[in-house]
Amino acid sequence: MGAGRPTVLSAKVEAELANCIKVKARVQYPCNKVDVKDVMAEYVKAHILETPFKNGCPVTIHDWYYYFMNRHPTLSFKKPEHLQKPRYDARKPDVIYNFYDEISGVLSK
């Protein structure tokens, strides 16, 4: 790392957070700034890490997010694209449940 203030979380912890964010994006749940903060807060609470953050979250998220993203250039913020209506409709829970009901009916025959 370069000169300046040391990071609150270790490089290993930040790498795990970055990986978690990438995995979420791969399964079609990309993270915005608030989601990244929430993932970090959940990780801090789950692993009972000591941080100067209030309730496990940075008070000024903008600064923490900006520096976190700079330290992890493989992450990028992209504006979400609107799903086409058929793709959006296919993600509705009743459509998914009906799909699995039909599959189980076909497999049981």
PDB file of N, CA and C in Angstrom:
ATOM      1  N   MET A   1       0.837  -1.177   0.000  1.00  0.00           N
ATOM      2  CA  MET A   1       0.000   0.000   0.000  1.00  0.00           C
ATOM      3  C   MET A   1       0.886   1.246   0.000  1.00  0.00           C
ATOM      4  N   GLY A   2       0.306   2.344  -0.377  1.00  0.00           N
ATOM      5  CA  GLY A   2       1.054   3.579  -0.433  1.00  0.00           C
ATOM      6  C   GLY A   2       1.083   4.286   0.905  1.00  0.00           C
ATOM      7  N   ALA A   3       1.599   5.497   0.878  1.00  0.00           N
ATOM      8  CA  ALA A   3       1.669   6.299   2.091  1.00  0.00           C
ATOM      9  C   ALA A   3       0.278   6.781   2.464  1.00  0.00           C
ATOM     10  N   GLY A   4       0.158   7.232   3.685  1.00  0.00           N
ATOM     11  CA  GLY A   4      -1.129   7.742   4.136  1.00  0.00           C
ATOM     12  C   GLY A   4      -1.659   6.937   5.299  1.00  0.00           C
ATOM     13  N   ARG A   5      -2.850   7.251   5.672  1.00  0.00           N
ATOM     14  CA  ARG A   5      -3.486   6.590   6.802  1.00  0.00           C
ATOM     15  C   ARG A   5      -3.686   5.107   6.509  1.00  0.00           C
ATOM     16  N   PRO A   6      -3.439   4.247   7.506  1.00  0.00           N
ATOM     17  CA  PRO A   6      -3.669   2.811   7.279  1.00  0.00           C
ATOM     18  C   PRO A   6      -5.163   2.525   7.141  1.00  0.00           C
ATOM     19  N   THR A   7      -5.481   1.474   6.427  1.00  0.00           N
ATOM     20  CA  THR A   7      -6.886   1.120   6.240  1.00  0.00           C
ATOM     21  C   THR A   7      -7.448   0.549   7.533  1.00  0.00           C
ATOM     22  N   VAL A   8      -8.740   0.697   7.718  1.00  0.00           N
ATOM     23  CA  VAL A   8      -9.408   0.195   8.914  1.00  0.00           C
ATOM     24  C   VAL A   8      -9.442  -1.327   8.890  1.00  0.00           C
ATOM     25  N   LEU A   9      -9.751  -1.885   7.736  1.00  0.00           N
ATOM     26  CA  LEU A   9      -9.818  -3.337   7.574  1.00  0.00           C
ATOM     27  C   LEU A   9      -8.527  -3.829   6.926  1.00  0.00           C
ATOM     28  N   SER A  10      -8.124  -5.027   7.252  1.00  0.00           N
ATOM     29  CA  SER A  10      -6.892  -5.575   6.674  1.00  0.00           C
ATOM     30  C   SER A  10      -7.065  -5.808   5.172  1.00  0.00           C
ATOM     31  N   ALA A  11      -5.953  -5.958   4.487  1.00  0.00           N
ATOM     32  CA  ALA A  11      -5.992  -6.218   3.042  1.00  0.00           C
ATOM     33  C   ALA A  11      -6.730  -7.521   2.760  1.00  0.00           C
ATOM     34  N   LYS A  12      -6.545  -8.521   3.625  1.00  0.00           N
ATOM     35  CA  LYS A  12      -7.220  -9.811   3.442  1.00  0.00           C
ATOM     36  C   LYS A  12      -8.735  -9.647   3.559  1.00  0.00           C
ATOM     37  N   VAL A  13      -9.181  -8.893   4.563  1.00  0.00           N
ATOM     38  CA  VAL A  13     -10.620  -8.674   4.759  1.00  0.00           C
ATOM     39  C   VAL A  13     -11.194  -7.903   3.579  1.00  0.00           C
ATOM     40  N   GLU A  14     -10.489  -6.866   3.138  1.00  0.00           N
ATOM     41  CA  GLU A  14     -10.978  -6.099   1.994  1.00  0.00           C
ATOM     42  C   GLU A  14     -11.034  -6.960   0.737  1.00  0.00           C
ATOM     43  N   ALA A  15     -10.071  -7.853   0.560  1.00  0.00           N
ATOM     44  CA  ALA A  15     -10.090  -8.750  -0.605  1.00  0.00           C
ATOM     45  C   ALA A  15     -11.305  -9.674  -0.541  1.00  0.00           C
ATOM     46  N   GLU A  16     -11.641 -10.161   0.655  1.00  0.00           N
ATOM     47  CA  GLU A  16     -12.827 -11.007   0.809  1.00  0.00           C
ATOM     48  C   GLU A  16     -14.103 -10.224   0.504  1.00  0.00           C
ATOM     49  N   LEU A  17     -14.160  -8.975   0.961  1.00  0.00           N
ATOM     50  CA  LEU A  17     -15.325  -8.137   0.657  1.00  0.00           C
ATOM     51  C   LEU A  17     -15.438  -7.897  -0.849  1.00  0.00           C
ATOM     52  N   ALA A  18     -14.318  -7.591  -1.489  1.00  0.00           N
ATOM     53  CA  ALA A  18     -14.327  -7.363  -2.938  1.00  0.00           C
ATOM     54  C   ALA A  18     -14.799  -8.616  -3.665  1.00  0.00           C
ATOM     55  N   ASN A  19     -14.349  -9.774  -3.227  1.00  0.00           N
ATOM     56  CA  ASN A  19     -14.773 -11.027  -3.844  1.00  0.00           C
ATOM     57  C   ASN A  19     -16.275 -11.243  -3.651  1.00  0.00           C
ATOM     58  N   CYS A  20     -16.776 -10.960  -2.468  1.00  0.00           N
ATOM     59  CA  CYS A  20     -18.211 -11.098  -2.195  1.00  0.00           C
ATOM     60  C   CYS A  20     -19.026 -10.194  -3.122  1.00  0.00           C
ATOM     61  N   ILE A  21     -18.558  -8.979  -3.321  1.00  0.00           N
ATOM     62  CA  ILE A  21     -19.253  -8.027  -4.198  1.00  0.00           C
ATOM     63  C   ILE A  21     -19.244  -8.538  -5.639  1.00  0.00           C
ATOM     64  N   LYS A  22     -18.118  -9.121  -6.080  1.00  0.00           N
ATOM     65  CA  LYS A  22     -18.040  -9.682  -7.433  1.00  0.00           C
ATOM     66  C   LYS A  22     -19.000 -10.853  -7.597  1.00  0.00           C
ATOM     67  N   VAL A  23     -19.076 -11.707  -6.584  1.00  0.00           N
ATOM     68  CA  VAL A  23     -19.977 -12.866  -6.653  1.00  0.00           C
ATOM     69  C   VAL A  23     -21.420 -12.398  -6.743  1.00  0.00           C
ATOM     70  N   LYS A  24     -21.789 -11.404  -5.949  1.00  0.00           N
ATOM     71  CA  LYS A  24     -23.157 -10.881  -6.009  1.00  0.00           C
ATOM     72  C   LYS A  24     -23.471 -10.347  -7.405  1.00  0.00           C
ATOM     73  N   ALA A  25     -22.507  -9.680  -8.018  1.00  0.00           N
ATOM     74  CA  ALA A  25     -22.722  -9.141  -9.361  1.00  0.00           C
ATOM     75  C   ALA A  25     -22.887 -10.265 -10.378  1.00  0.00           C
ATOM     76  N   ARG A  26     -22.111 -11.348 -10.216  1.00  0.00           N
ATOM     77  CA  ARG A  26     -22.208 -12.473 -11.151  1.00  0.00           C
ATOM     78  C   ARG A  26     -23.564 -13.152 -11.108  1.00  0.00           C
ATOM     79  N   VAL A  27     -24.221 -13.137  -9.954  1.00  0.00           N
ATOM     80  CA  VAL A  27     -25.534 -13.775  -9.847  1.00  0.00           C
ATOM     81  C   VAL A  27     -26.657 -12.739  -9.969  1.00  0.00           C
ATOM     82  N   GLN A  28     -26.353 -11.656 -10.672  1.00  0.00           N
ATOM     83  CA  GLN A  28     -27.329 -10.631 -11.029  1.00  0.00           C
ATOM     84  C   GLN A  28     -27.824  -9.807  -9.846  1.00  0.00           C
ATOM     85  N   TYR A  29     -26.991  -9.616  -8.834  1.00  0.00           N
ATOM     86  CA  TYR A  29     -27.311  -8.724  -7.722  1.00  0.00           C
ATOM     87  C   TYR A  29     -26.171  -7.729  -7.545  1.00  0.00           C
ATOM     88  N   PRO A  30     -26.009  -6.823  -8.521  1.00  0.00           N
ATOM     89  CA  PRO A  30     -24.918  -5.859  -8.406  1.00  0.00           C
ATOM     90  C   PRO A  30     -25.129  -4.934  -7.208  1.00  0.00           C
ATOM     91  N   CYS A  31     -24.041  -4.459  -6.650  1.00  0.00           N
ATOM     92  CA  CYS A  31     -24.091  -3.621  -5.455  1.00  0.00           C
ATOM     93  C   CYS A  31     -23.923  -2.148  -5.807  1.00  0.00           C
ATOM     94  N   ASN A  32     -24.747  -1.313  -5.193  1.00  0.00           N
ATOM     95  CA  ASN A  32     -24.516   0.119  -5.271  1.00  0.00           C
ATOM     96  C   ASN A  32     -23.724   0.532  -4.033  1.00  0.00           C
ATOM     97  N   LYS A  33     -23.525   1.821  -3.846  1.00  0.00           N
ATOM     98  CA  LYS A  33     -22.705   2.300  -2.736  1.00  0.00           C
ATOM     99  C   LYS A  33     -23.253   1.834  -1.388  1.00  0.00           C
ATOM    100  N   VAL A  34     -24.544   1.918  -1.190  1.00  0.00           N
ATOM    101  CA  VAL A  34     -25.161   1.510   0.080  1.00  0.00           C
ATOM    102  C   VAL A  34     -25.033   0.001   0.278  1.00  0.00           C
ATOM    103  N   ASP A  35     -25.197  -0.772  -0.793  1.00  0.00           N
ATOM    104  CA  ASP A  35     -25.054  -2.232  -0.693  1.00  0.00           C
ATOM    105  C   ASP A  35     -23.632  -2.624  -0.287  1.00  0.00           C
ATOM    106  N   VAL A  36     -22.644  -1.933  -0.838  1.00  0.00           N
ATOM    107  CA  VAL A  36     -21.250  -2.213  -0.485  1.00  0.00           C
ATOM    108  C   VAL A  36     -21.042  -1.942   1.000  1.00  0.00           C
ATOM    109  N   LYS A  37     -21.590  -0.825   1.477  1.00  0.00           N
ATOM    110  CA  LYS A  37     -21.488  -0.494   2.903  1.00  0.00           C
ATOM    111  C   LYS A  37     -22.166  -1.562   3.747  1.00  0.00           C
ATOM    112  N   ASP A  38     -23.336  -2.026   3.313  1.00  0.00           N
ATOM    113  CA  ASP A  38     -24.068  -3.046   4.063  1.00  0.00           C
ATOM    114  C   ASP A  38     -23.312  -4.373   4.101  1.00  0.00           C
ATOM    115  N   VAL A  39     -22.699  -4.758   2.975  1.00  0.00           N
ATOM    116  CA  VAL A  39     -21.903  -5.989   2.935  1.00  0.00           C
ATOM    117  C   VAL A  39     -20.747  -5.874   3.924  1.00  0.00           C
ATOM    118  N   MET A  40     -20.090  -4.712   3.924  1.00  0.00           N
ATOM    119  CA  MET A  40     -18.979  -4.494   4.847  1.00  0.00           C
ATOM    120  C   MET A  40     -19.459  -4.549   6.292  1.00  0.00           C
ATOM    121  N   ALA A  41     -20.581  -3.909   6.601  1.00  0.00           N
ATOM    122  CA  ALA A  41     -21.097  -3.897   7.969  1.00  0.00           C
ATOM    123  C   ALA A  41     -21.479  -5.305   8.430  1.00  0.00           C
ATOM    124  N   GLU A  42     -22.106  -6.078   7.550  1.00  0.00           N
ATOM    125  CA  GLU A  42     -22.464  -7.461   7.889  1.00  0.00           C
ATOM    126  C   GLU A  42     -21.209  -8.284   8.177  1.00  0.00           C
ATOM    127  N   TYR A  43     -20.185  -8.096   7.364  1.00  0.00           N
ATOM    128  CA  TYR A  43     -18.936  -8.839   7.550  1.00  0.00           C
ATOM    129  C   TYR A  43     -18.300  -8.482   8.896  1.00  0.00           C
ATOM    130  N   VAL A  44     -18.244  -7.187   9.192  1.00  0.00           N
ATOM    131  CA  VAL A  44     -17.640  -6.724  10.448  1.00  0.00           C
ATOM    132  C   VAL A  44     -18.390  -7.307  11.639  1.00  0.00           C
ATOM    133  N   LYS A  45     -19.722  -7.283  11.579  1.00  0.00           N
ATOM    134  CA  LYS A  45     -20.524  -7.814  12.685  1.00  0.00           C
ATOM    135  C   LYS A  45     -20.400  -9.333  12.790  1.00  0.00           C
ATOM    136  N   ALA A  46     -20.423 -10.028  11.668  1.00  0.00           N
ATOM    137  CA  ALA A  46     -20.360 -11.494  11.678  1.00  0.00           C
ATOM    138  C   ALA A  46     -19.018 -12.003  12.201  1.00  0.00           C
ATOM    139  N   HIS A  47     -17.953 -11.272  11.921  1.00  0.00           N
ATOM    140  CA  HIS A  47     -16.615 -11.703  12.333  1.00  0.00           C
ATOM    141  C   HIS A  47     -16.138 -10.987  13.601  1.00  0.00           C
ATOM    142  N   ILE A  48     -17.026 -10.195  14.186  1.00  0.00           N
ATOM    143  CA  ILE A  48     -16.750  -9.463  15.432  1.00  0.00           C
ATOM    144  C   ILE A  48     -15.394  -8.740  15.346  1.00  0.00           C
ATOM    145  N   LEU A  49     -15.274  -7.900  14.333  1.00  0.00           N
ATOM    146  CA  LEU A  49     -14.038  -7.149  14.124  1.00  0.00           C
ATOM    147  C   LEU A  49     -14.105  -5.810  14.852  1.00  0.00           C
ATOM    148  N   GLU A  50     -12.979  -5.384  15.381  1.00  0.00           N
ATOM    149  CA  GLU A  50     -12.871  -4.076  16.026  1.00  0.00           C
ATOM    150  C   GLU A  50     -12.645  -3.021  14.943  1.00  0.00           C
ATOM    151  N   THR A  51     -13.530  -2.038  14.888  1.00  0.00           N
ATOM    152  CA  THR A  51     -13.362  -0.935  13.940  1.00  0.00           C
ATOM    153  C   THR A  51     -13.751   0.358  14.638  1.00  0.00           C
ATOM    154  N   PRO A  52     -13.272   1.484  14.129  1.00  0.00           N
ATOM    155  CA  PRO A  52     -13.705   2.761  14.694  1.00  0.00           C
ATOM    156  C   PRO A  52     -15.089   3.180  14.176  1.00  0.00           C
ATOM    157  N   PHE A  53     -15.690   2.347  13.328  1.00  0.00           N
ATOM    158  CA  PHE A  53     -16.985   2.679  12.748  1.00  0.00           C
ATOM    159  C   PHE A  53     -18.087   2.584  13.792  1.00  0.00           C
ATOM    160  N   LYS A  54     -19.057   3.465  13.681  1.00  0.00           N
ATOM    161  CA  LYS A  54     -20.218   3.427  14.563  1.00  0.00           C
ATOM    162  C   LYS A  54     -21.160   2.332  14.055  1.00  0.00           C
ATOM    163  N   ASN A  55     -21.503   1.386  14.901  1.00  0.00           N
ATOM    164  CA  ASN A  55     -22.363   0.254  14.541  1.00  0.00           C
ATOM    165  C   ASN A  55     -21.806  -0.549  13.367  1.00  0.00           C
ATOM    166  N   GLY A  56     -20.498  -0.576  13.224  1.00  0.00           N
ATOM    167  CA  GLY A  56     -19.875  -1.360  12.162  1.00  0.00           C
ATOM    168  C   GLY A  56     -19.884  -0.695  10.803  1.00  0.00           C
ATOM    169  N   CYS A  57     -20.411   0.528  10.719  1.00  0.00           N
ATOM    170  CA  CYS A  57     -20.494   1.230   9.431  1.00  0.00           C
ATOM    171  C   CYS A  57     -19.745   2.553   9.501  1.00  0.00           C
ATOM    172  N   PRO A  58     -19.078   2.925   8.419  1.00  0.00           N
ATOM    173  CA  PRO A  58     -18.437   4.236   8.418  1.00  0.00           C
ATOM    174  C   PRO A  58     -19.489   5.340   8.439  1.00  0.00           C
ATOM    175  N   VAL A  59     -19.222   6.390   9.213  1.00  0.00           N
ATOM    176  CA  VAL A  59     -20.179   7.494   9.303  1.00  0.00           C
ATOM    177  C   VAL A  59     -20.252   8.223   7.970  1.00  0.00           C
ATOM    178  N   THR A  60     -19.091   8.486   7.377  1.00  0.00           N
ATOM    179  CA  THR A  60     -19.064   9.135   6.063  1.00  0.00           C
ATOM    180  C   THR A  60     -18.758   8.065   5.022  1.00  0.00           C
ATOM    181  N   ILE A  61     -19.800   7.472   4.520  1.00  0.00           N
ATOM    182  CA  ILE A  61     -19.641   6.349   3.586  1.00  0.00           C
ATOM    183  C   ILE A  61     -18.931   6.771   2.307  1.00  0.00           C
ATOM    184  N   HIS A  62     -19.145   8.003   1.880  1.00  0.00           N
ATOM    185  CA  HIS A  62     -18.567   8.431   0.605  1.00  0.00           C
ATOM    186  C   HIS A  62     -17.049   8.262   0.611  1.00  0.00           C
ATOM    187  N   ASP A  63     -16.387   8.743   1.659  1.00  0.00           N
ATOM    188  CA  ASP A  63     -14.927   8.655   1.712  1.00  0.00           C
ATOM    189  C   ASP A  63     -14.467   7.205   1.748  1.00  0.00           C
ATOM    190  N   TRP A  64     -15.063   6.397   2.625  1.00  0.00           N
ATOM    191  CA  TRP A  64     -14.649   4.996   2.735  1.00  0.00           C
ATOM    192  C   TRP A  64     -14.862   4.281   1.401  1.00  0.00           C
ATOM    193  N   TYR A  65     -16.022   4.494   0.783  1.00  0.00           N
ATOM    194  CA  TYR A  65     -16.355   3.844  -0.487  1.00  0.00           C
ATOM    195  C   TYR A  65     -15.358   4.261  -1.578  1.00  0.00           C
ATOM    196  N   TYR A  66     -15.086   5.536  -1.652  1.00  0.00           N
ATOM    197  CA  TYR A  66     -14.169   6.053  -2.668  1.00  0.00           C
ATOM    198  C   TYR A  66     -12.798   5.393  -2.544  1.00  0.00           C
ATOM    199  N   TYR A  67     -12.252   5.351  -1.343  1.00  0.00           N
ATOM    200  CA  TYR A  67     -10.925   4.761  -1.146  1.00  0.00           C
ATOM    201  C   TYR A  67     -10.952   3.242  -1.321  1.00  0.00           C
ATOM    202  N   PHE A  68     -12.023   2.610  -0.884  1.00  0.00           N
ATOM    203  CA  PHE A  68     -12.163   1.160  -1.075  1.00  0.00           C
ATOM    204  C   PHE A  68     -12.156   0.827  -2.565  1.00  0.00           C
ATOM    205  N   MET A  69     -12.935   1.571  -3.345  1.00  0.00           N
ATOM    206  CA  MET A  69     -12.995   1.320  -4.787  1.00  0.00           C
ATOM    207  C   MET A  69     -11.638   1.599  -5.447  1.00  0.00           C
ATOM    208  N   ASN A  70     -10.918   2.605  -4.983  1.00  0.00           N
ATOM    209  CA  ASN A  70      -9.583   2.883  -5.531  1.00  0.00           C
ATOM    210  C   ASN A  70      -8.600   1.767  -5.207  1.00  0.00           C
ATOM    211  N   ARG A  71      -8.751   1.157  -4.038  1.00  0.00           N
ATOM    212  CA  ARG A  71      -7.851   0.059  -3.665  1.00  0.00           C
ATOM    213  C   ARG A  71      -8.194  -1.232  -4.397  1.00  0.00           C
ATOM    214  N   HIS A  72      -9.382  -1.305  -4.977  1.00  0.00           N
ATOM    215  CA  HIS A  72      -9.829  -2.515  -5.679  1.00  0.00           C
ATOM    216  C   HIS A  72     -10.291  -2.148  -7.090  1.00  0.00           C
ATOM    217  N   PRO A  73      -9.337  -1.896  -7.981  1.00  0.00           N
ATOM    218  CA  PRO A  73      -9.684  -1.438  -9.329  1.00  0.00           C
ATOM    219  C   PRO A  73     -10.439  -2.471 -10.166  1.00  0.00           C
ATOM    220  N   THR A  74     -10.470  -3.731  -9.730  1.00  0.00           N
ATOM    221  CA  THR A  74     -11.236  -4.724 -10.490  1.00  0.00           C
ATOM    222  C   THR A  74     -12.732  -4.548 -10.268  1.00  0.00           C
ATOM    223  N   LEU A  75     -13.099  -3.779  -9.243  1.00  0.00           N
ATOM    224  CA  LEU A  75     -14.514  -3.459  -9.031  1.00  0.00           C
ATOM    225  C   LEU A  75     -14.820  -2.186  -9.795  1.00  0.00           C
ATOM    226  N   SER A  76     -16.013  -2.098 -10.308  1.00  0.00           N
ATOM    227  CA  SER A  76     -16.410  -0.864 -10.976  1.00  0.00           C
ATOM    228  C   SER A  76     -17.883  -0.619 -10.710  1.00  0.00           C
ATOM    229  N   PHE A  77     -18.236   0.641 -10.693  1.00  0.00           N
ATOM    230  CA  PHE A  77     -19.628   1.003 -10.484  1.00  0.00           C
ATOM    231  C   PHE A  77     -20.250   1.244 -11.844  1.00  0.00           C
ATOM    232  N   LYS A  78     -21.301   0.520 -12.126  1.00  0.00           N
ATOM    233  CA  LYS A  78     -22.006   0.697 -13.391  1.00  0.00           C
ATOM    234  C   LYS A  78     -23.456   1.000 -13.094  1.00  0.00           C
ATOM    235  N   LYS A  79     -24.014   1.853 -13.897  1.00  0.00           N
ATOM    236  CA  LYS A  79     -25.424   2.168 -13.747  1.00  0.00           C
ATOM    237  C   LYS A  79     -26.226   0.935 -14.162  1.00  0.00           C
ATOM    238  N   PRO A  80     -27.174   0.500 -13.322  1.00  0.00           N
ATOM    239  CA  PRO A  80     -27.942  -0.694 -13.686  1.00  0.00           C
ATOM    240  C   PRO A  80     -28.744  -0.480 -14.965  1.00  0.00           C
ATOM    241  N   GLU A  81     -28.761  -1.502 -15.787  1.00  0.00           N
ATOM    242  CA  GLU A  81     -29.550  -1.438 -17.012  1.00  0.00           C
ATOM    243  C   GLU A  81     -30.950  -1.937 -16.710  1.00  0.00           C
ATOM    244  N   HIS A  82     -31.906  -1.352 -17.382  1.00  0.00           N
ATOM    245  CA  HIS A  82     -33.276  -1.811 -17.193  1.00  0.00           C
ATOM    246  C   HIS A  82     -33.432  -3.175 -17.854  1.00  0.00           C
ATOM    247  N   LEU A  83     -34.014  -4.091 -17.120  1.00  0.00           N
ATOM    248  CA  LEU A  83     -34.266  -5.413 -17.691  1.00  0.00           C
ATOM    249  C   LEU A  83     -35.389  -5.316 -18.706  1.00  0.00           C
ATOM    250  N   GLN A  84     -35.285  -6.107 -19.728  1.00  0.00           N
ATOM    251  CA  GLN A  84     -36.385  -6.177 -20.670  1.00  0.00           C
ATOM    252  C   GLN A  84     -37.570  -6.783 -19.937  1.00  0.00           C
ATOM    253  N   LYS A  85     -38.784  -6.426 -20.327  1.00  0.00           N
ATOM    254  CA  LYS A  85     -39.978  -6.877 -19.617  1.00  0.00           C
ATOM    255  C   LYS A  85     -40.046  -8.393 -19.472  1.00  0.00           C
ATOM    256  N   PRO A  86     -39.791  -9.202 -20.501  1.00  0.00           N
ATOM    257  CA  PRO A  86     -39.856 -10.659 -20.297  1.00  0.00           C
ATOM    258  C   PRO A  86     -38.863 -11.165 -19.247  1.00  0.00           C
ATOM    259  N   ARG A  87     -37.658 -10.584 -19.239  1.00  0.00           N
ATOM    260  CA  ARG A  87     -36.677 -10.987 -18.218  1.00  0.00           C
ATOM    261  C   ARG A  87     -37.136 -10.557 -16.836  1.00  0.00           C
ATOM    262  N   TYR A  88     -37.719  -9.385 -16.747  1.00  0.00           N
ATOM    263  CA  TYR A  88     -38.222  -8.901 -15.459  1.00  0.00           C
ATOM    264  C   TYR A  88     -39.361  -9.793 -14.971  1.00  0.00           C
ATOM    265  N   ASP A  89     -40.289 -10.103 -15.861  1.00  0.00           N
ATOM    266  CA  ASP A  89     -41.435 -10.943 -15.481  1.00  0.00           C
ATOM    267  C   ASP A  89     -40.994 -12.342 -15.069  1.00  0.00           C
ATOM    268  N   ALA A  90     -39.944 -12.854 -15.699  1.00  0.00           N
ATOM    269  CA  ALA A  90     -39.468 -14.203 -15.382  1.00  0.00           C
ATOM    270  C   ALA A  90     -38.875 -14.288 -13.987  1.00  0.00           C
ATOM    271  N   ARG A  91     -38.539 -13.158 -13.403  1.00  0.00           N
ATOM    272  CA  ARG A  91     -37.953 -13.151 -12.056  1.00  0.00           C
ATOM    273  C   ARG A  91     -39.009 -13.040 -10.965  1.00  0.00           C
ATOM    274  N   LYS A  92     -40.262 -12.928 -11.322  1.00  0.00           N
ATOM    275  CA  LYS A  92     -41.315 -12.830 -10.309  1.00  0.00           C
ATOM    276  C   LYS A  92     -41.449 -14.169  -9.591  1.00  0.00           C
ATOM    277  N   PRO A  93     -41.620 -14.136  -8.277  1.00  0.00           N
ATOM    278  CA  PRO A  93     -41.689 -15.388  -7.502  1.00  0.00           C
ATOM    279  C   PRO A  93     -42.756 -16.367  -7.980  1.00  0.00           C
ATOM    280  N   ASP A  94     -43.949 -15.885  -8.338  1.00  0.00           N
ATOM    281  CA  ASP A  94     -45.000 -16.824  -8.758  1.00  0.00           C
ATOM    282  C   ASP A  94     -44.627 -17.536 -10.053  1.00  0.00           C
ATOM    283  N   VAL A  95     -43.923 -16.856 -10.949  1.00  0.00           N
ATOM    284  CA  VAL A  95     -43.477 -17.483 -12.195  1.00  0.00           C
ATOM    285  C   VAL A  95     -42.447 -18.568 -11.878  1.00  0.00           C
ATOM    286  N   ILE A  96     -41.535 -18.272 -10.987  1.00  0.00           N
ATOM    287  CA  ILE A  96     -40.494 -19.242 -10.616  1.00  0.00           C
ATOM    288  C   ILE A  96     -41.110 -20.451  -9.929  1.00  0.00           C
ATOM    289  N   TYR A  97     -42.028 -20.207  -8.972  1.00  0.00           N
ATOM    290  CA  TYR A  97     -42.675 -21.328  -8.273  1.00  0.00           C
ATOM    291  C   TYR A  97     -43.470 -22.200  -9.245  1.00  0.00           C
ATOM    292  N   ASN A  98     -44.183 -21.568 -10.183  1.00  0.00           N
ATOM    293  CA  ASN A  98     -44.941 -22.336 -11.176  1.00  0.00           C
ATOM    294  C   ASN A  98     -44.008 -23.180 -12.042  1.00  0.00           C
ATOM    295  N   PHE A  99     -42.869 -22.618 -12.406  1.00  0.00           N
ATOM    296  CA  PHE A  99     -41.893 -23.352 -13.203  1.00  0.00           C
ATOM    297  C   PHE A  99     -41.464 -24.623 -12.477  1.00  0.00           C
ATOM    298  N   TYR A 100     -41.099 -24.495 -11.212  1.00  0.00           N
ATOM    299  CA  TYR A 100     -40.643 -25.662 -10.455  1.00  0.00           C
ATOM    300  C   TYR A 100     -41.777 -26.645 -10.187  1.00  0.00           C
ATOM    301  N   ASP A 101     -42.998 -26.164 -10.023  1.00  0.00           N
ATOM    302  CA  ASP A 101     -44.141 -27.073  -9.872  1.00  0.00           C
ATOM    303  C   ASP A 101     -44.313 -27.907 -11.136  1.00  0.00           C
ATOM    304  N   GLU A 102     -44.211 -27.252 -12.294  1.00  0.00           N
ATOM    305  CA  GLU A 102     -44.363 -27.976 -13.554  1.00  0.00           C
ATOM    306  C   GLU A 102     -43.214 -28.969 -13.768  1.00  0.00           C
ATOM    307  N   ILE A 103     -42.007 -28.556 -13.445  1.00  0.00           N
ATOM    308  CA  ILE A 103     -40.856 -29.462 -13.579  1.00  0.00           C
ATOM    309  C   ILE A 103     -41.030 -30.684 -12.686  1.00  0.00           C
ATOM    310  N   SER A 104     -41.441 -30.473 -11.440  1.00  0.00           N
ATOM    311  CA  SER A 104     -41.607 -31.626 -10.540  1.00  0.00           C
ATOM    312  C   SER A 104     -42.738 -32.524 -11.023  1.00  0.00           C
ATOM    313  N   GLY A 105     -43.786 -31.942 -11.634  1.00  0.00           N
ATOM    314  CA  GLY A 105     -44.868 -32.743 -12.203  1.00  0.00           C
ATOM    315  C   GLY A 105     -44.384 -33.597 -13.359  1.00  0.00           C
ATOM    316  N   VAL A 106     -43.559 -33.019 -14.215  1.00  0.00           N
ATOM    317  CA  VAL A 106     -43.016 -33.752 -15.360  1.00  0.00           C
ATOM    318  C   VAL A 106     -42.080 -34.863 -14.877  1.00  0.00           C
ATOM    319  N   LEU A 107     -41.251 -34.566 -13.906  1.00  0.00           N
ATOM    320  CA  LEU A 107     -40.290 -35.556 -13.413  1.00  0.00           C
ATOM    321  C   LEU A 107     -40.960 -36.700 -12.657  1.00  0.00           C
ATOM    322  N   SER A 108     -42.101 -36.436 -12.039  1.00  0.00           N
ATOM    323  CA  SER A 108     -42.773 -37.497 -11.277  1.00  0.00           C
ATOM    324  C   SER A 108     -43.573 -38.433 -12.179  1.00  0.00           C
ATOM    325  N   LYS A 109     -43.780 -38.065 -13.441  1.00  0.00           N
ATOM    326  CA  LYS A 109     -44.547 -38.916 -14.365  1.00  0.00           C
ATOM    327  C   LYS A 109     -43.712 -40.020 -14.922  1.00  0.00           C
TER     328      LYS A 109
END
